[in-house]
Amino acid sequence: MSQTAIIGAGVMGETLLSGLVRAGRRVDHLLVGEKRPERAQELEERYGVAVVGNVEAATKADTVALVVKPQDMGEVLEEIAGALRPGQLVVSLAAGITTAFIESRVPDGVAVVRVMPNTPALVDEGMAAISPGSHCSEEQLGEAEALMGSVGKVVRIPERQQDAVTAISGSGPAYIFFVVESMIEAGVHLGLPRTTATELVIQTLVGSGKMLRETGTHPTVLREQVTSPGGTTAAALRELEVHKVRAAFLAAMEAARDRSRALAEGS
């Protein structure tokens, strides 16, 4: 079985590592690139995985997952480029970094896949969108798919759609948390204890999400099932329409897409 290296052992890097281990990937087929000695020791003790320098990780691995901040990508690529070789696969989880940016900084023949993950990967409910670079085989794209499949669902998209994906699912958890926060505050305003409001809202969110996924019913139909004519839900939804909440979501996601596009151009 091929060796996989994870370079960058922050929250998402460790999330990917733990997901692979839970999915049955043998720890002797995993490497972690991490410079901080105390963090390296922590990961070695927690997962039994070999933690080495970035160059050694890139040298030994067949697949190299780069889980670094976008602003650090150039520096990391400069460090490991000399250790990379044709036939290797580089999987980038850095927002806004294009496959062309990476391909221009690694040897010819190194395949690149760009990934937009999101934070629910922490609980194995992630949503990742993957896009192949200019010379990535079906087998290599499948390896990237398996990598991200260890922490959630995966879809394949053309790279030109990555900015839209960033706006929808990449940033999406923040919008959901914002709505939850707002509903909890409303509950407190209406006279509920904060703990009660929090429990009511979170379970309503979890239950609604489960209904969407398990029934496969269109959200409009599910919404209509809750909305009795002239009832409480109808009164609430009218206020959301008056305050143009639907339009606000569109504007927010367009802003996120535009920012993602600007970051990519800056890369």
Protein backbone atom coordinates (compact mmCIF):
# COMPACT_ATOMS: atom_id res chain seq x y z
CA MET A 1 0.00 0.00 0.00
CA SER A 2 1.22 3.49 -0.84
CA GLN A 3 2.56 5.95 1.72
CA THR A 4 0.56 9.10 2.46
CA ALA A 5 2.10 12.18 4.07
CA ILE A 6 0.15 14.97 5.74
CA ILE A 7 2.15 18.19 5.82
CA GLY A 8 0.64 20.64 8.30
CA ALA A 9 -0.62 19.22 11.59
CA GLY A 10 -3.10 21.92 12.60
CA VAL A 11 -6.77 21.21 13.31
CA MET A 12 -7.66 20.11 9.76
CA GLY A 13 -4.41 18.17 9.36
CA GLU A 14 -5.05 16.19 12.54
CA THR A 15 -8.70 15.76 11.52
CA LEU A 16 -7.58 14.14 8.28
CA LEU A 17 -5.02 11.98 10.09
CA SER A 18 -7.53 10.71 12.67
CA GLY A 19 -10.13 10.11 9.94
CA LEU A 20 -7.69 7.98 7.93
CA VAL A 21 -6.76 5.97 11.03
CA ARG A 22 -10.45 5.38 11.86
CA ALA A 23 -11.09 4.41 8.23
CA GLY A 24 -8.53 1.60 8.61
CA ARG A 25 -5.42 3.16 7.06
CA ARG A 26 -2.39 1.53 8.67
CA VAL A 27 -0.28 3.99 10.67
CA ASP A 28 2.92 2.60 9.14
CA HIS A 29 1.61 3.85 5.79
CA LEU A 30 1.10 7.37 7.17
CA LEU A 31 3.63 10.14 7.74
CA VAL A 32 3.16 13.58 9.23
CA GLY A 33 5.33 16.58 8.41
CA GLU A 34 5.57 18.80 11.49
CA LYS A 35 8.43 21.04 12.66
CA ARG A 36 7.34 21.79 16.25
CA PRO A 37 8.90 19.13 18.53
CA GLU A 38 6.15 19.23 21.18
CA ARG A 39 3.41 18.89 18.55
CA ALA A 40 5.31 16.05 16.87
CA GLN A 41 5.56 14.17 20.17
CA GLU A 42 1.87 14.72 20.86
CA LEU A 43 0.85 13.24 17.48
CA GLU A 44 3.26 10.31 17.77
CA GLU A 45 1.85 9.41 21.18
CA ARG A 46 -1.78 9.88 20.15
CA TYR A 47 -1.74 8.01 16.82
CA GLY A 48 1.48 5.99 16.74
CA VAL A 49 2.37 7.67 13.46
CA ALA A 50 5.86 8.71 12.35
CA VAL A 51 6.28 12.49 12.51
CA VAL A 52 9.18 13.78 10.41
CA GLY A 53 10.37 16.93 8.65
CA ASN A 54 8.49 18.20 5.62
CA VAL A 55 11.23 17.25 3.15
CA GLU A 56 11.49 13.69 4.49
CA ALA A 57 7.70 13.34 4.37
CA ALA A 58 7.61 14.53 0.75
CA THR A 59 10.50 12.21 -0.18
CA LYS A 60 8.97 9.04 1.26
CA ALA A 61 5.30 9.50 0.36
CA ASP A 62 3.41 8.65 -2.82
CA THR A 63 0.61 11.06 -1.87
CA VAL A 64 1.36 14.37 -0.16
CA ALA A 65 -1.55 16.24 1.45
CA LEU A 66 -0.74 19.90 1.99
CA VAL A 67 -2.89 21.12 4.88
CA VAL A 68 -1.29 24.53 5.33
CA LYS A 69 -2.52 28.13 5.39
CA PRO A 70 -2.83 29.70 1.92
CA GLN A 71 -0.24 32.35 2.81
CA ASP A 72 2.26 29.59 3.75
CA MET A 73 1.79 27.52 0.59
CA GLY A 74 4.54 29.21 -1.47
CA GLU A 75 7.11 28.74 1.28
CA VAL A 76 6.18 25.07 1.85
CA LEU A 77 6.30 24.29 -1.87
CA GLU A 78 9.71 25.93 -2.13
CA GLU A 79 10.90 23.75 0.75
CA ILE A 80 9.64 20.40 -0.61
CA ALA A 81 9.77 20.89 -4.41
CA GLY A 82 13.24 19.35 -4.66
CA ALA A 83 12.00 16.20 -2.91
CA LEU A 84 8.98 15.70 -5.18
CA ARG A 85 9.14 13.47 -8.27
CA PRO A 86 7.00 12.63 -11.32
CA GLY A 87 4.15 10.25 -10.52
CA GLN A 88 3.57 11.64 -7.04
CA LEU A 89 0.22 13.12 -6.07
CA VAL A 90 -0.06 16.45 -4.25
CA VAL A 91 -3.44 17.14 -2.64
CA SER A 92 -3.93 20.76 -1.55
CA LEU A 93 -6.48 21.73 1.11
CA ALA A 94 -5.55 25.43 1.05
CA ALA A 95 -8.40 27.80 0.18
CA GLY A 96 -7.91 29.91 -2.92
CA ILE A 97 -4.70 28.20 -4.08
CA THR A 98 -5.07 27.05 -7.69
CA THR A 99 -3.69 23.85 -9.16
CA ALA A 100 -1.78 26.03 -11.66
CA PHE A 101 -0.04 27.84 -8.77
CA ILE A 102 1.15 24.52 -7.35
CA GLU A 103 2.01 22.94 -10.72
CA SER A 104 4.25 25.90 -11.57
CA ARG A 105 6.27 25.25 -8.40
CA VAL A 106 6.68 21.46 -8.48
CA PRO A 107 8.51 19.18 -10.95
CA ASP A 108 6.79 18.21 -14.22
CA GLY A 109 4.80 15.02 -13.86
CA VAL A 110 3.64 15.67 -10.29
CA ALA A 111 -0.17 15.39 -10.24
CA VAL A 112 -2.16 17.99 -8.29
CA VAL A 113 -5.67 17.88 -6.83
CA ARG A 114 -7.31 20.89 -5.20
CA VAL A 115 -9.71 20.32 -2.30
CA MET A 116 -12.18 22.60 -0.56
CA PRO A 117 -13.00 20.90 2.77
CA ASN A 118 -15.11 22.18 5.65
CA THR A 119 -14.96 21.95 9.43
CA PRO A 120 -17.67 19.28 9.99
CA ALA A 121 -14.90 16.90 8.91
CA LEU A 122 -14.03 17.09 12.63
CA VAL A 123 -17.05 14.83 13.29
CA ASP A 124 -16.77 12.79 10.05
CA GLU A 125 -19.56 14.84 8.42
CA GLY A 126 -17.36 16.95 6.16
CA MET A 127 -18.23 18.09 2.65
CA ALA A 128 -15.24 18.22 0.32
CA ALA A 129 -15.16 19.29 -3.32
CA ILE A 130 -12.16 18.06 -5.33
CA SER A 131 -10.79 19.25 -8.69
CA PRO A 132 -8.00 17.66 -10.73
CA GLY A 133 -5.10 19.66 -12.10
CA SER A 134 -3.85 19.51 -15.69
CA HIS A 135 -2.31 16.03 -15.59
CA CYS A 136 -4.05 14.01 -12.90
CA SER A 137 -5.07 10.42 -13.67
CA GLU A 138 -8.40 8.85 -12.73
CA GLU A 139 -6.55 6.66 -10.23
CA GLN A 140 -4.92 9.69 -8.58
CA LEU A 141 -8.23 11.56 -8.41
CA GLY A 142 -9.71 8.43 -6.80
CA GLU A 143 -6.92 8.46 -4.20
CA ALA A 144 -7.75 12.08 -3.32
CA GLU A 145 -11.42 11.08 -3.12
CA ALA A 146 -10.59 8.22 -0.72
CA LEU A 147 -8.44 10.55 1.37
CA MET A 148 -11.28 13.04 1.91
CA GLY A 149 -13.92 10.29 2.06
CA SER A 150 -12.42 9.26 5.40
CA VAL A 151 -13.95 12.38 7.00
CA GLY A 152 -17.19 12.89 5.08
CA LYS A 153 -18.73 13.20 1.64
CA VAL A 154 -16.85 14.11 -1.54
CA VAL A 155 -17.95 15.59 -4.87
CA ARG A 156 -15.88 16.11 -8.01
CA ILE A 157 -16.18 19.51 -9.69
CA PRO A 158 -14.38 21.54 -12.38
CA GLU A 159 -11.86 23.89 -10.76
CA ARG A 160 -13.69 26.98 -12.07
CA GLN A 161 -16.50 26.14 -9.60
CA GLN A 162 -14.22 26.09 -6.54
CA ASP A 163 -14.91 29.73 -5.61
CA ALA A 164 -18.66 29.00 -5.52
CA VAL A 165 -18.06 25.86 -3.44
CA THR A 166 -15.97 27.90 -1.00
CA ALA A 167 -18.93 30.28 -0.63
CA ILE A 168 -21.48 27.49 -0.11
CA SER A 169 -19.91 24.64 1.87
CA GLY A 170 -16.46 25.95 2.77
CA SER A 171 -17.81 29.01 4.59
CA GLY A 172 -21.25 27.43 5.03
CA PRO A 173 -20.86 26.14 8.60
CA ALA A 174 -20.34 29.75 9.76
CA TYR A 175 -23.68 30.78 8.24
CA ILE A 176 -25.43 27.89 9.99
CA PHE A 177 -23.78 28.74 13.32
CA PHE A 178 -24.81 32.38 12.79
CA VAL A 179 -28.45 31.34 12.30
CA VAL A 180 -28.29 29.07 15.37
CA GLU A 181 -26.75 31.89 17.43
CA SER A 182 -29.49 34.26 16.27
CA MET A 183 -32.28 31.79 17.12
CA ILE A 184 -30.83 31.17 20.59
CA GLU A 185 -30.68 34.93 21.24
CA ALA A 186 -34.29 35.22 20.07
CA GLY A 187 -35.28 32.44 22.48
CA VAL A 188 -33.66 34.34 25.36
CA HIS A 189 -35.45 37.52 24.24
CA LEU A 190 -38.75 35.60 24.30
CA GLY A 191 -38.15 34.59 27.92
CA LEU A 192 -36.49 31.18 27.73
CA PRO A 193 -33.40 30.28 29.81
CA ARG A 194 -30.32 30.28 27.57
CA THR A 195 -29.62 26.58 28.19
CA THR A 196 -33.17 25.67 27.20
CA ALA A 197 -33.08 27.86 24.09
CA THR A 198 -29.73 26.34 23.10
CA GLU A 199 -30.99 22.76 23.45
CA LEU A 200 -34.19 23.54 21.52
CA VAL A 201 -32.35 25.19 18.63
CA ILE A 202 -29.52 22.66 18.29
CA GLN A 203 -31.82 19.63 18.33
CA THR A 204 -34.14 21.37 15.84
CA LEU A 205 -31.16 21.90 13.54
CA VAL A 206 -29.91 18.32 13.87
CA GLY A 207 -33.39 16.87 13.37
CA SER A 208 -34.10 19.08 10.35
CA GLY A 209 -30.78 18.12 8.75
CA LYS A 210 -31.53 14.44 9.29
CA MET A 211 -34.98 14.84 7.71
CA LEU A 212 -33.42 16.50 4.67
CA ARG A 213 -30.83 13.78 4.22
CA GLU A 214 -32.89 10.71 5.07
CA THR A 215 -36.19 11.59 3.36
CA GLY A 216 -34.66 13.11 0.23
CA THR A 217 -37.67 15.45 0.20
CA HIS A 218 -37.20 18.92 -1.31
CA PRO A 219 -36.74 21.60 1.40
CA THR A 220 -39.65 23.60 0.00
CA VAL A 221 -41.98 20.63 0.58
CA LEU A 222 -40.65 20.11 4.11
CA ARG A 223 -41.08 23.81 4.86
CA GLU A 224 -44.68 23.75 3.57
CA GLN A 225 -45.44 20.75 5.80
CA VAL A 226 -44.60 22.89 8.85
CA THR A 227 -46.41 25.98 7.56
CA SER A 228 -50.16 25.87 8.34
CA PRO A 229 -52.28 28.55 6.61
CA GLY A 230 -52.53 31.61 8.84
CA GLY A 231 -50.46 29.93 11.55
CA THR A 232 -47.42 30.81 13.64
CA THR A 233 -44.85 29.57 11.12
CA ALA A 234 -46.49 31.52 8.31
CA ALA A 235 -46.31 34.68 10.43
CA ALA A 236 -42.61 34.10 11.11
CA LEU A 237 -41.74 33.32 7.48
CA ARG A 238 -43.52 36.49 6.34
CA GLU A 239 -41.16 38.52 8.54
CA LEU A 240 -38.13 36.72 7.07
CA GLU A 241 -39.38 37.61 3.57
CA VAL A 242 -40.07 41.24 4.57
CA HIS A 243 -36.49 41.50 5.87
CA LYS A 244 -35.20 39.96 2.62
CA VAL A 245 -33.36 37.10 4.34
CA ARG A 246 -33.29 35.08 1.10
CA ALA A 247 -31.70 38.00 -0.76
CA ALA A 248 -29.24 38.53 2.09
CA PHE A 249 -28.04 34.91 1.81
CA LEU A 250 -27.49 35.37 -1.92
CA ALA A 251 -25.55 38.60 -1.38
CA ALA A 252 -23.47 37.00 1.39
CA MET A 253 -22.51 34.02 -0.74
CA GLU A 254 -21.69 36.23 -3.72
CA ALA A 255 -19.38 38.23 -1.41
CA ALA A 256 -17.69 35.02 -0.23
CA ARG A 257 -17.26 33.83 -3.83
CA ASP A 258 -15.77 37.17 -4.87
CA ARG A 259 -13.36 37.11 -1.93
CA SER A 260 -12.31 33.55 -2.78
CA ARG A 261 -11.72 34.65 -6.39
CA ALA A 262 -9.61 37.61 -5.20
CA LEU A 263 -7.53 35.34 -2.95
CA ALA A 264 -6.96 32.93 -5.85
CA GLU A 265 -5.83 35.77 -8.12
CA GLY A 266 -3.50 36.97 -5.37
CA SER A 267 -1.95 33.51 -5.07
